[in-house]
C-alpha cells in the first residue's frame, strides 16, 4: 500500500473514485433491501385481509 505522503495526485483521485463507487454500491444494496422489506409488508397486509 502506498503511504499517504507518497501518493500522487492520480492516486488520491483514484482513491476518491473508489470511495464514491463503493458508497454508490452500498446505497443500491440498502435501497434494494428496503424495497424487498416494503414489498413483503405489502404482501403480508394483503394476505392477512
N, C-alpha and C. Protein backbone atom coordinates (compact mmCIF):
# COMPACT_ATOMS: atom_id res chain seq x y z
N UNK A 1 0.85 -1.19 0.00
CA UNK A 1 0.00 0.00 0.00
C UNK A 1 0.89 1.25 0.00
N UNK A 2 0.46 2.22 -0.73
CA UNK A 2 1.22 3.47 -0.82
C UNK A 2 0.97 4.30 0.43
N UNK A 3 2.04 4.82 1.03
CA UNK A 3 1.87 5.68 2.19
C UNK A 3 1.24 6.99 1.76
N UNK A 4 0.46 7.59 2.66
CA UNK A 4 -0.27 8.82 2.34
C UNK A 4 0.64 9.91 1.76
N UNK A 5 1.81 10.12 2.34
CA UNK A 5 2.68 11.21 1.89
C UNK A 5 3.29 10.93 0.52
N UNK A 6 3.33 9.66 0.10
CA UNK A 6 3.93 9.29 -1.17
C UNK A 6 2.91 9.20 -2.31
N UNK A 7 1.65 9.43 -2.01
CA UNK A 7 0.62 9.32 -3.03
C UNK A 7 0.71 10.48 -4.02
N UNK A 8 0.50 10.13 -5.26
CA UNK A 8 0.44 11.17 -6.28
C UNK A 8 -0.99 11.69 -6.36
N UNK A 9 -1.16 12.77 -7.09
CA UNK A 9 -2.49 13.34 -7.30
C UNK A 9 -3.40 12.29 -7.92
N UNK A 10 -2.89 11.53 -8.88
CA UNK A 10 -3.67 10.48 -9.53
C UNK A 10 -4.11 9.41 -8.54
N UNK A 11 -3.23 9.04 -7.62
CA UNK A 11 -3.58 8.04 -6.60
C UNK A 11 -4.71 8.55 -5.72
N UNK A 12 -4.63 9.81 -5.34
CA UNK A 12 -5.66 10.40 -4.48
C UNK A 12 -7.00 10.43 -5.21
N UNK A 13 -6.99 10.83 -6.48
CA UNK A 13 -8.22 10.87 -7.27
C UNK A 13 -8.79 9.46 -7.42
N UNK A 14 -7.94 8.47 -7.66
CA UNK A 14 -8.41 7.09 -7.77
C UNK A 14 -9.01 6.59 -6.46
N UNK A 15 -8.43 6.97 -5.33
CA UNK A 15 -8.99 6.60 -4.03
C UNK A 15 -10.37 7.22 -3.84
N UNK A 16 -10.51 8.48 -4.24
CA UNK A 16 -11.80 9.16 -4.13
C UNK A 16 -12.84 8.48 -5.02
N UNK A 17 -12.46 8.14 -6.24
CA UNK A 17 -13.37 7.45 -7.17
C UNK A 17 -13.81 6.11 -6.60
N UNK A 18 -12.85 5.39 -6.03
CA UNK A 18 -13.18 4.09 -5.44
C UNK A 18 -14.15 4.25 -4.28
N UNK A 19 -13.94 5.26 -3.46
CA UNK A 19 -14.83 5.53 -2.33
C UNK A 19 -16.23 5.87 -2.82
N UNK A 20 -16.32 6.69 -3.86
CA UNK A 20 -17.63 7.05 -4.43
C UNK A 20 -18.32 5.81 -4.97
N UNK A 21 -17.60 4.98 -5.72
CA UNK A 21 -18.19 3.76 -6.29
C UNK A 21 -18.68 2.82 -5.20
N UNK A 22 -17.89 2.66 -4.13
CA UNK A 22 -18.30 1.77 -3.05
C UNK A 22 -19.53 2.31 -2.34
N UNK A 23 -19.58 3.62 -2.14
CA UNK A 23 -20.74 4.23 -1.49
C UNK A 23 -21.99 4.06 -2.34
N UNK A 24 -21.84 4.24 -3.66
CA UNK A 24 -22.99 4.04 -4.56
C UNK A 24 -23.48 2.60 -4.49
N UNK A 25 -22.57 1.65 -4.45
CA UNK A 25 -22.95 0.24 -4.35
C UNK A 25 -23.68 -0.02 -3.03
N UNK A 26 -23.15 0.52 -1.93
CA UNK A 26 -23.80 0.36 -0.63
C UNK A 26 -25.21 0.93 -0.64
N UNK A 27 -25.39 2.08 -1.27
CA UNK A 27 -26.71 2.71 -1.35
C UNK A 27 -27.66 1.84 -2.14
N UNK A 28 -27.20 1.29 -3.27
CA UNK A 28 -28.07 0.42 -4.08
C UNK A 28 -28.48 -0.83 -3.31
N UNK A 29 -27.54 -1.42 -2.60
CA UNK A 29 -27.84 -2.62 -1.82
C UNK A 29 -28.87 -2.30 -0.75
N UNK A 30 -28.66 -1.20 -0.01
CA UNK A 30 -29.59 -0.84 1.05
C UNK A 30 -30.96 -0.47 0.51
N UNK A 31 -31.00 0.20 -0.64
CA UNK A 31 -32.28 0.54 -1.26
C UNK A 31 -33.03 -0.72 -1.66
N UNK A 32 -32.31 -1.71 -2.21
CA UNK A 32 -32.95 -2.95 -2.61
C UNK A 32 -33.47 -3.71 -1.39
N UNK A 33 -32.71 -3.72 -0.32
CA UNK A 33 -33.17 -4.37 0.91
C UNK A 33 -34.44 -3.70 1.41
N UNK A 34 -34.46 -2.38 1.40
CA UNK A 34 -35.64 -1.64 1.85
C UNK A 34 -36.85 -1.93 0.98
N UNK A 35 -36.64 -2.01 -0.33
CA UNK A 35 -37.76 -2.31 -1.24
C UNK A 35 -38.29 -3.72 -1.02
N UNK A 36 -37.41 -4.67 -0.83
CA UNK A 36 -37.85 -6.05 -0.57
C UNK A 36 -38.66 -6.08 0.72
N UNK A 37 -38.20 -5.39 1.76
CA UNK A 37 -38.95 -5.34 3.01
C UNK A 37 -40.32 -4.68 2.82
N UNK A 38 -40.37 -3.61 2.04
CA UNK A 38 -41.64 -2.94 1.75
C UNK A 38 -42.59 -3.89 1.04
N UNK A 39 -42.10 -4.57 0.00
CA UNK A 39 -42.94 -5.50 -0.75
C UNK A 39 -43.44 -6.64 0.14
N UNK A 40 -42.60 -7.09 1.06
CA UNK A 40 -43.01 -8.14 1.99
C UNK A 40 -44.15 -7.64 2.88
N UNK A 41 -43.98 -6.42 3.41
CA UNK A 41 -45.03 -5.88 4.29
C UNK A 41 -46.33 -5.68 3.54
N UNK A 42 -46.26 -5.20 2.30
CA UNK A 42 -47.47 -5.01 1.49
C UNK A 42 -48.13 -6.37 1.25
N UNK A 43 -47.34 -7.36 0.88
CA UNK A 43 -47.88 -8.70 0.64
C UNK A 43 -48.51 -9.28 1.89
N UNK A 44 -47.88 -9.06 3.03
CA UNK A 44 -48.43 -9.56 4.30
C UNK A 44 -49.75 -8.90 4.62
N UNK A 45 -49.86 -7.60 4.42
CA UNK A 45 -51.11 -6.88 4.67
C UNK A 45 -52.21 -7.43 3.76
N UNK A 46 -51.89 -7.60 2.49
CA UNK A 46 -52.88 -8.10 1.54
C UNK A 46 -53.27 -9.55 1.86
N UNK A 47 -52.32 -10.35 2.24
CA UNK A 47 -52.59 -11.75 2.55
C UNK A 47 -53.45 -11.88 3.80
N UNK A 48 -53.19 -11.04 4.80
CA UNK A 48 -53.91 -11.11 6.08
C UNK A 48 -55.34 -10.61 5.97
N UNK A 49 -55.66 -9.83 4.94
CA UNK A 49 -57.03 -9.27 4.82
C UNK A 49 -57.99 -10.24 4.22
